[in-house]
Amino acid sequence: SFGARRDGTSSGSAADFTTFSFHAVKNLTTAE
């Protein structure tokens, strides 16, 4: 959900902690 929003709040700030993946198949990648 990197880059998503719900009710005006971005993914990354809605929960207490949020973890993201930048794996090769994800929207935004760093390879791993």
PDB file of all heavy atoms in Angstrom:
ATOM      1  N   SER A   1       0.790  -1.245   0.000  1.00  0.00           N
ATOM      2  CA  SER A   1       0.000   0.000   0.000  1.00  0.00           C
ATOM      3  C   SER A   1       0.814   1.283   0.000  1.00  0.00           C
ATOM      4  O   SER A   1       0.271   2.349   0.327  1.00  0.00           O
ATOM      5  CB  SER A   1      -0.953   0.002   1.201  1.00  0.00           C
ATOM      6  OG  SER A   1      -0.249   0.039   2.432  1.00  0.00           O
ATOM      7  N   PHE A   2       2.073   1.249  -0.376  1.00  0.00           N
ATOM      8  CA  PHE A   2       2.857   2.479  -0.407  1.00  0.00           C
ATOM      9  C   PHE A   2       2.253   3.445  -1.427  1.00  0.00           C
ATOM     10  O   PHE A   2       2.115   3.132  -2.611  1.00  0.00           O
ATOM     11  CB  PHE A   2       4.312   2.177  -0.770  1.00  0.00           C
ATOM     12  CG  PHE A   2       5.222   3.370  -0.686  1.00  0.00           C
ATOM     13  CD1 PHE A   2       5.499   3.951   0.533  1.00  0.00           C
ATOM     14  CD2 PHE A   2       5.787   3.919  -1.823  1.00  0.00           C
ATOM     15  CE1 PHE A   2       6.332   5.067   0.620  1.00  0.00           C
ATOM     16  CE2 PHE A   2       6.621   5.018  -1.750  1.00  0.00           C
ATOM     17  CZ  PHE A   2       6.892   5.593  -0.521  1.00  0.00           C
ATOM     18  N   GLY A   3       1.868   4.621  -0.945  1.00  0.00           N
ATOM     19  CA  GLY A   3       1.241   5.617  -1.815  1.00  0.00           C
ATOM     20  C   GLY A   3      -0.276   5.632  -1.741  1.00  0.00           C
ATOM     21  O   GLY A   3      -0.912   6.475  -2.376  1.00  0.00           O
ATOM     22  N   ALA A   4      -0.871   4.723  -0.952  1.00  0.00           N
ATOM     23  CA  ALA A   4      -2.328   4.681  -0.809  1.00  0.00           C
ATOM     24  C   ALA A   4      -2.803   5.699   0.224  1.00  0.00           C
ATOM     25  O   ALA A   4      -2.025   6.176   1.061  1.00  0.00           O
ATOM     26  CB  ALA A   4      -2.773   3.279  -0.412  1.00  0.00           C
ATOM     27  N   ARG A   5      -4.109   6.009   0.176  1.00  0.00           N
ATOM     28  CA  ARG A   5      -4.732   6.891   1.166  1.00  0.00           C
ATOM     29  C   ARG A   5      -6.116   6.352   1.513  1.00  0.00           C
ATOM     30  O   ARG A   5      -6.759   5.684   0.703  1.00  0.00           O
ATOM     31  CB  ARG A   5      -4.885   8.324   0.624  1.00  0.00           C
ATOM     32  CG  ARG A   5      -3.604   8.994   0.207  1.00  0.00           C
ATOM     33  CD  ARG A   5      -3.809  10.481  -0.086  1.00  0.00           C
ATOM     34  NE  ARG A   5      -4.873  10.739  -1.053  1.00  0.00           N
ATOM     35  CZ  ARG A   5      -4.740  10.656  -2.367  1.00  0.00           C
ATOM     36  NH1 ARG A   5      -3.582  10.267  -2.887  1.00  0.00           N
ATOM     37  NH2 ARG A   5      -5.742  10.923  -3.166  1.00  0.00           N
ATOM     38  N   ARG A   6      -6.536   6.643   2.716  1.00  0.00           N
ATOM     39  CA  ARG A   6      -7.910   6.332   3.111  1.00  0.00           C
ATOM     40  C   ARG A   6      -8.409   7.448   4.020  1.00  0.00           C
ATOM     41  O   ARG A   6      -7.771   7.771   5.012  1.00  0.00           O
ATOM     42  CB  ARG A   6      -8.000   4.976   3.813  1.00  0.00           C
ATOM     43  CG  ARG A   6      -9.443   4.574   4.156  1.00  0.00           C
ATOM     44  CD  ARG A   6      -9.590   3.090   4.368  1.00  0.00           C
ATOM     45  NE  ARG A   6     -10.979   2.712   4.589  1.00  0.00           N
ATOM     46  CZ  ARG A   6     -11.463   1.486   4.455  1.00  0.00           C
ATOM     47  NH1 ARG A   6     -10.655   0.489   4.082  1.00  0.00           N
ATOM     48  NH2 ARG A   6     -12.737   1.218   4.675  1.00  0.00           N
ATOM     49  N   ASP A   7      -9.539   8.026   3.633  1.00  0.00           N
ATOM     50  CA  ASP A   7     -10.126   9.129   4.391  1.00  0.00           C
ATOM     51  C   ASP A   7      -9.107  10.238   4.634  1.00  0.00           C
ATOM     52  O   ASP A   7      -9.053  10.839   5.713  1.00  0.00           O
ATOM     53  CB  ASP A   7     -10.696   8.623   5.717  1.00  0.00           C
ATOM     54  CG  ASP A   7     -11.801   7.593   5.516  1.00  0.00           C
ATOM     55  OD1 ASP A   7     -12.542   7.721   4.529  1.00  0.00           O
ATOM     56  OD2 ASP A   7     -11.901   6.659   6.332  1.00  0.00           O
ATOM     57  N   GLY A   8      -8.285  10.509   3.618  1.00  0.00           N
ATOM     58  CA  GLY A   8      -7.335  11.608   3.681  1.00  0.00           C
ATOM     59  C   GLY A   8      -6.028  11.313   4.390  1.00  0.00           C
ATOM     60  O   GLY A   8      -5.142  12.172   4.437  1.00  0.00           O
ATOM     61  N   THR A   9      -5.884  10.104   4.930  1.00  0.00           N
ATOM     62  CA  THR A   9      -4.663   9.739   5.648  1.00  0.00           C
ATOM     63  C   THR A   9      -3.834   8.784   4.795  1.00  0.00           C
ATOM     64  O   THR A   9      -4.360   7.813   4.249  1.00  0.00           O
ATOM     65  CB  THR A   9      -4.996   9.066   6.996  1.00  0.00           C
ATOM     66  OG1 THR A   9      -5.760   9.974   7.790  1.00  0.00           O
ATOM     67  CG2 THR A   9      -3.725   8.698   7.749  1.00  0.00           C
ATOM     68  N   SER A  10      -2.551   9.055   4.692  1.00  0.00           N
ATOM     69  CA  SER A  10      -1.665   8.243   3.861  1.00  0.00           C
ATOM     70  C   SER A  10      -1.271   6.959   4.567  1.00  0.00           C
ATOM     71  O   SER A  10      -1.135   6.913   5.795  1.00  0.00           O
ATOM     72  CB  SER A  10      -0.394   9.030   3.524  1.00  0.00           C
ATOM     73  OG  SER A  10      -0.696  10.174   2.770  1.00  0.00           O
ATOM     74  N   SER A  11      -1.086   5.918   3.771  1.00  0.00           N
ATOM     75  CA  SER A  11      -0.489   4.702   4.311  1.00  0.00           C
ATOM     76  C   SER A  11       0.886   5.057   4.853  1.00  0.00           C
ATOM     77  O   SER A  11       1.680   5.728   4.188  1.00  0.00           O
ATOM     78  CB  SER A  11      -0.354   3.646   3.210  1.00  0.00           C
ATOM     79  OG  SER A  11       0.239   2.470   3.720  1.00  0.00           O
ATOM     80  N   GLY A  12       1.155   4.617   6.063  1.00  0.00           N
ATOM     81  CA  GLY A  12       2.403   4.979   6.719  1.00  0.00           C
ATOM     82  C   GLY A  12       2.177   5.838   7.934  1.00  0.00           C
ATOM     83  O   GLY A  12       3.054   5.942   8.798  1.00  0.00           O
ATOM     84  N   SER A  13       0.993   6.473   8.007  1.00  0.00           N
ATOM     85  CA  SER A  13       0.685   7.300   9.177  1.00  0.00           C
ATOM     86  C   SER A  13      -0.664   6.959   9.791  1.00  0.00           C
ATOM     87  O   SER A  13      -1.055   7.569  10.788  1.00  0.00           O
ATOM     88  CB  SER A  13       0.728   8.792   8.815  1.00  0.00           C
ATOM     89  OG  SER A  13      -0.176   9.097   7.769  1.00  0.00           O
ATOM     90  N   ALA A  14      -1.384   5.979   9.231  1.00  0.00           N
ATOM     91  CA  ALA A  14      -2.700   5.620   9.758  1.00  0.00           C
ATOM     92  C   ALA A  14      -2.592   4.667  10.943  1.00  0.00           C
ATOM     93  O   ALA A  14      -3.332   4.796  11.920  1.00  0.00           O
ATOM     94  CB  ALA A  14      -3.554   4.987   8.665  1.00  0.00           C
ATOM     95  N   ALA A  15      -1.684   3.695  10.861  1.00  0.00           N
ATOM     96  CA  ALA A  15      -1.458   2.748  11.953  1.00  0.00           C
ATOM     97  C   ALA A  15      -0.357   3.289  12.868  1.00  0.00           C
ATOM     98  O   ALA A  15       0.297   4.289  12.561  1.00  0.00           O
ATOM     99  CB  ALA A  15      -1.070   1.386  11.397  1.00  0.00           C
ATOM    100  N   ASP A  16      -0.140   2.608  13.991  1.00  0.00           N
ATOM    101  CA  ASP A  16       0.939   3.027  14.891  1.00  0.00           C
ATOM    102  C   ASP A  16       2.297   2.842  14.214  1.00  0.00           C
ATOM    103  O   ASP A  16       3.181   3.696  14.312  1.00  0.00           O
ATOM    104  CB  ASP A  16       0.886   2.212  16.186  1.00  0.00           C
ATOM    105  CG  ASP A  16      -0.429   2.393  16.905  1.00  0.00           C
ATOM    106  OD1 ASP A  16      -0.914   3.532  16.990  1.00  0.00           O
ATOM    107  OD2 ASP A  16      -0.990   1.377  17.376  1.00  0.00           O
ATOM    108  N   PHE A  17       2.457   1.712  13.557  1.00  0.00           N
ATOM    109  CA  PHE A  17       3.651   1.403  12.771  1.00  0.00           C
ATOM    110  C   PHE A  17       3.173   0.830  11.438  1.00  0.00           C
ATOM    111  O   PHE A  17       2.154   0.148  11.385  1.00  0.00           O
ATOM    112  CB  PHE A  17       4.541   0.360  13.464  1.00  0.00           C
ATOM    113  CG  PHE A  17       5.131   0.814  14.768  1.00  0.00           C
ATOM    114  CD1 PHE A  17       4.398   0.761  15.945  1.00  0.00           C
ATOM    115  CD2 PHE A  17       6.444   1.280  14.828  1.00  0.00           C
ATOM    116  CE1 PHE A  17       4.942   1.178  17.156  1.00  0.00           C
ATOM    117  CE2 PHE A  17       6.997   1.699  16.033  1.00  0.00           C
ATOM    118  CZ  PHE A  17       6.241   1.646  17.193  1.00  0.00           C
ATOM    119  N   THR A  18       3.908   1.112  10.367  1.00  0.00           N
ATOM    120  CA  THR A  18       3.581   0.555   9.055  1.00  0.00           C
ATOM    121  C   THR A  18       4.861   0.067   8.391  1.00  0.00           C
ATOM    122  O   THR A  18       5.863   0.786   8.364  1.00  0.00           O
ATOM    123  CB  THR A  18       2.921   1.604   8.139  1.00  0.00           C
ATOM    124  OG1 THR A  18       1.754   2.134   8.786  1.00  0.00           O
ATOM    125  CG2 THR A  18       2.518   0.979   6.805  1.00  0.00           C
ATOM    126  N   THR A  19       4.807  -1.155   7.877  1.00  0.00           N
ATOM    127  CA  THR A  19       5.962  -1.713   7.174  1.00  0.00           C
ATOM    128  C   THR A  19       5.653  -1.817   5.687  1.00  0.00           C
ATOM    129  O   THR A  19       4.549  -2.191   5.289  1.00  0.00           O
ATOM    130  CB  THR A  19       6.340  -3.097   7.737  1.00  0.00           C
ATOM    131  OG1 THR A  19       5.221  -3.998   7.596  1.00  0.00           O
ATOM    132  CG2 THR A  19       6.710  -2.990   9.210  1.00  0.00           C
ATOM    133  N   PHE A  20       6.638  -1.482   4.866  1.00  0.00           N
ATOM    134  CA  PHE A  20       6.486  -1.483   3.410  1.00  0.00           C
ATOM    135  C   PHE A  20       7.483  -2.434   2.765  1.00  0.00           C
ATOM    136  O   PHE A  20       8.571  -2.669   3.299  1.00  0.00           O
ATOM    137  CB  PHE A  20       6.729  -0.083   2.844  1.00  0.00           C
ATOM    138  CG  PHE A  20       5.732   0.947   3.275  1.00  0.00           C
ATOM    139  CD1 PHE A  20       6.114   1.980   4.127  1.00  0.00           C
ATOM    140  CD2 PHE A  20       4.414   0.898   2.839  1.00  0.00           C
ATOM    141  CE1 PHE A  20       5.205   2.950   4.527  1.00  0.00           C
ATOM    142  CE2 PHE A  20       3.494   1.866   3.242  1.00  0.00           C
ATOM    143  CZ  PHE A  20       3.894   2.881   4.088  1.00  0.00           C
ATOM    144  N   SER A  21       7.101  -2.946   1.602  1.00  0.00           N
ATOM    145  CA  SER A  21       7.999  -3.768   0.802  1.00  0.00           C
ATOM    146  C   SER A  21       8.396  -3.030  -0.472  1.00  0.00           C
ATOM    147  O   SER A  21       7.546  -2.458  -1.157  1.00  0.00           O
ATOM    148  CB  SER A  21       7.332  -5.094   0.417  1.00  0.00           C
ATOM    149  OG  SER A  21       8.162  -5.825  -0.470  1.00  0.00           O
ATOM    150  N   PHE A  22       9.689  -3.060  -0.776  1.00  0.00           N
ATOM    151  CA  PHE A  22      10.215  -2.543  -2.036  1.00  0.00           C
ATOM    152  C   PHE A  22      10.857  -3.674  -2.847  1.00  0.00           C
ATOM    153  O   PHE A  22      11.837  -3.485  -3.552  1.00  0.00           O
ATOM    154  CB  PHE A  22      11.229  -1.423  -1.780  1.00  0.00           C
ATOM    155  CG  PHE A  22      10.668  -0.260  -0.998  1.00  0.00           C
ATOM    156  CD1 PHE A  22      11.458   0.416  -0.074  1.00  0.00           C
ATOM    157  CD2 PHE A  22       9.364   0.173  -1.183  1.00  0.00           C
ATOM    158  CE1 PHE A  22      10.958   1.489   0.645  1.00  0.00           C
ATOM    159  CE2 PHE A  22       8.846   1.250  -0.468  1.00  0.00           C
ATOM    160  CZ  PHE A  22       9.657   1.911   0.458  1.00  0.00           C
ATOM    161  N   HIS A  23      10.269  -4.863  -2.702  1.00  0.00           N
ATOM    162  CA  HIS A  23      10.730  -6.040  -3.440  1.00  0.00           C
ATOM    163  C   HIS A  23      10.579  -5.821  -4.945  1.00  0.00           C
ATOM    164  O   HIS A  23       9.875  -4.912  -5.392  1.00  0.00           O
ATOM    165  CB  HIS A  23       9.914  -7.263  -2.981  1.00  0.00           C
ATOM    166  CG  HIS A  23      10.257  -8.533  -3.668  1.00  0.00           C
ATOM    167  ND1 HIS A  23       9.522  -9.027  -4.731  1.00  0.00           N
ATOM    168  CD2 HIS A  23      11.247  -9.418  -3.450  1.00  0.00           C
ATOM    169  CE1 HIS A  23      10.053 -10.163  -5.138  1.00  0.00           C
ATOM    170  NE2 HIS A  23      11.099 -10.425  -4.375  1.00  0.00           N
ATOM    171  N   ALA A  24      11.204  -6.677  -5.723  1.00  0.00           N
ATOM    172  CA  ALA A  24      11.243  -6.510  -7.173  1.00  0.00           C
ATOM    173  C   ALA A  24       9.864  -6.421  -7.821  1.00  0.00           C
ATOM    174  O   ALA A  24       9.710  -5.757  -8.856  1.00  0.00           O
ATOM    175  CB  ALA A  24      12.041  -7.652  -7.805  1.00  0.00           C
ATOM    176  N   VAL A  25       8.842  -7.079  -7.243  1.00  0.00           N
ATOM    177  CA  VAL A  25       7.527  -7.076  -7.877  1.00  0.00           C
ATOM    178  C   VAL A  25       6.607  -5.990  -7.333  1.00  0.00           C
ATOM    179  O   VAL A  25       5.462  -5.874  -7.777  1.00  0.00           O
ATOM    180  CB  VAL A  25       6.829  -8.451  -7.717  1.00  0.00           C
ATOM    181  CG1 VAL A  25       7.662  -9.553  -8.325  1.00  0.00           C
ATOM    182  CG2 VAL A  25       6.509  -8.750  -6.255  1.00  0.00           C
ATOM    183  N   LYS A  26       7.078  -5.182  -6.397  1.00  0.00           N
ATOM    184  CA  LYS A  26       6.215  -4.170  -5.799  1.00  0.00           C
ATOM    185  C   LYS A  26       6.139  -2.914  -6.672  1.00  0.00           C
ATOM    186  O   LYS A  26       6.944  -2.708  -7.582  1.00  0.00           O
ATOM    187  CB  LYS A  26       6.715  -3.816  -4.396  1.00  0.00           C
ATOM    188  CG  LYS A  26       6.644  -4.982  -3.417  1.00  0.00           C
ATOM    189  CD  LYS A  26       5.241  -5.529  -3.286  1.00  0.00           C
ATOM    190  CE  LYS A  26       5.078  -6.535  -2.154  1.00  0.00           C
ATOM    191  NZ  LYS A  26       5.769  -7.808  -2.401  1.00  0.00           N
ATOM    192  N   ASN A  27       5.142  -2.064  -6.358  1.00  0.00           N
ATOM    193  CA  ASN A  27       4.936  -0.833  -7.140  1.00  0.00           C
ATOM    194  C   ASN A  27       6.212  -0.020  -7.262  1.00  0.00           C
ATOM    195  O   ASN A  27       6.568   0.471  -8.329  1.00  0.00           O
ATOM    196  CB  ASN A  27       3.887   0.049  -6.470  1.00  0.00           C
ATOM    197  CG  ASN A  27       2.488  -0.497  -6.592  1.00  0.00           C
ATOM    198  OD1 ASN A  27       2.289  -1.667  -6.895  1.00  0.00           O
ATOM    199  ND2 ASN A  27       1.504   0.360  -6.339  1.00  0.00           N
ATOM    200  N   LEU A  28       6.866   0.187  -6.128  1.00  0.00           N
ATOM    201  CA  LEU A  28       8.149   0.887  -6.073  1.00  0.00           C
ATOM    202  C   LEU A  28       9.190  -0.114  -5.604  1.00  0.00           C
ATOM    203  O   LEU A  28       9.012  -0.747  -4.562  1.00  0.00           O
ATOM    204  CB  LEU A  28       8.082   2.077  -5.122  1.00  0.00           C
ATOM    205  CG  LEU A  28       9.348   2.949  -5.052  1.00  0.00           C
ATOM    206  CD1 LEU A  28       8.976   4.426  -4.898  1.00  0.00           C
ATOM    207  CD2 LEU A  28      10.261   2.533  -3.909  1.00  0.00           C
ATOM    208  N   THR A  29      10.242  -0.280  -6.365  1.00  0.00           N
ATOM    209  CA  THR A  29      11.214  -1.319  -6.026  1.00  0.00           C
ATOM    210  C   THR A  29      12.599  -0.750  -5.755  1.00  0.00           C
ATOM    211  O   THR A  29      12.991   0.275  -6.319  1.00  0.00           O
ATOM    212  CB  THR A  29      11.311  -2.385  -7.132  1.00  0.00           C
ATOM    213  OG1 THR A  29      12.179  -3.431  -6.703  1.00  0.00           O
ATOM    214  CG2 THR A  29      11.852  -1.796  -8.431  1.00  0.00           C
ATOM    215  N   THR A  30      13.316  -1.437  -4.876  1.00  0.00           N
ATOM    216  CA  THR A  30      14.750  -1.226  -4.685  1.00  0.00           C
ATOM    217  C   THR A  30      15.471  -2.557  -4.937  1.00  0.00           C
ATOM    218  O   THR A  30      16.551  -2.776  -4.406  1.00  0.00           O
ATOM    219  CB  THR A  30      15.058  -0.723  -3.263  1.00  0.00           C
ATOM    220  OG1 THR A  30      14.565  -1.664  -2.299  1.00  0.00           O
ATOM    221  CG2 THR A  30      14.409   0.632  -3.007  1.00  0.00           C
ATOM    222  N   ALA A  31      14.856  -3.435  -5.720  1.00  0.00           N
ATOM    223  CA  ALA A  31      15.283  -4.812  -5.995  1.00  0.00           C
ATOM    224  C   ALA A  31      14.915  -5.694  -4.807  1.00  0.00           C
ATOM    225  O   ALA A  31      14.085  -6.602  -4.927  1.00  0.00           O
ATOM    226  CB  ALA A  31      16.762  -4.914  -6.335  1.00  0.00           C
ATOM    227  N   GLU A  32      15.557  -5.508  -3.699  1.00  0.00           N
ATOM    228  CA  GLU A  32      15.152  -6.053  -2.409  1.00  0.00           C
ATOM    229  C   GLU A  32      15.174  -4.891  -1.430  1.00  0.00           C
ATOM    230  O   GLU A  32      16.083  -4.069  -1.463  1.00  0.00           O
ATOM    231  CB  GLU A  32      16.099  -7.154  -1.921  1.00  0.00           C
ATOM    232  CG  GLU A  32      16.076  -8.434  -2.739  1.00  0.00           C
ATOM    233  CD  GLU A  32      14.857  -9.301  -2.475  1.00  0.00           C
ATOM    234  OE1 GLU A  32      14.054  -8.977  -1.566  1.00  0.00           O
ATOM    235  OE2 GLU A  32      14.688 -10.307  -3.195  1.00  0.00           O
TER     236      GLU A  32
END
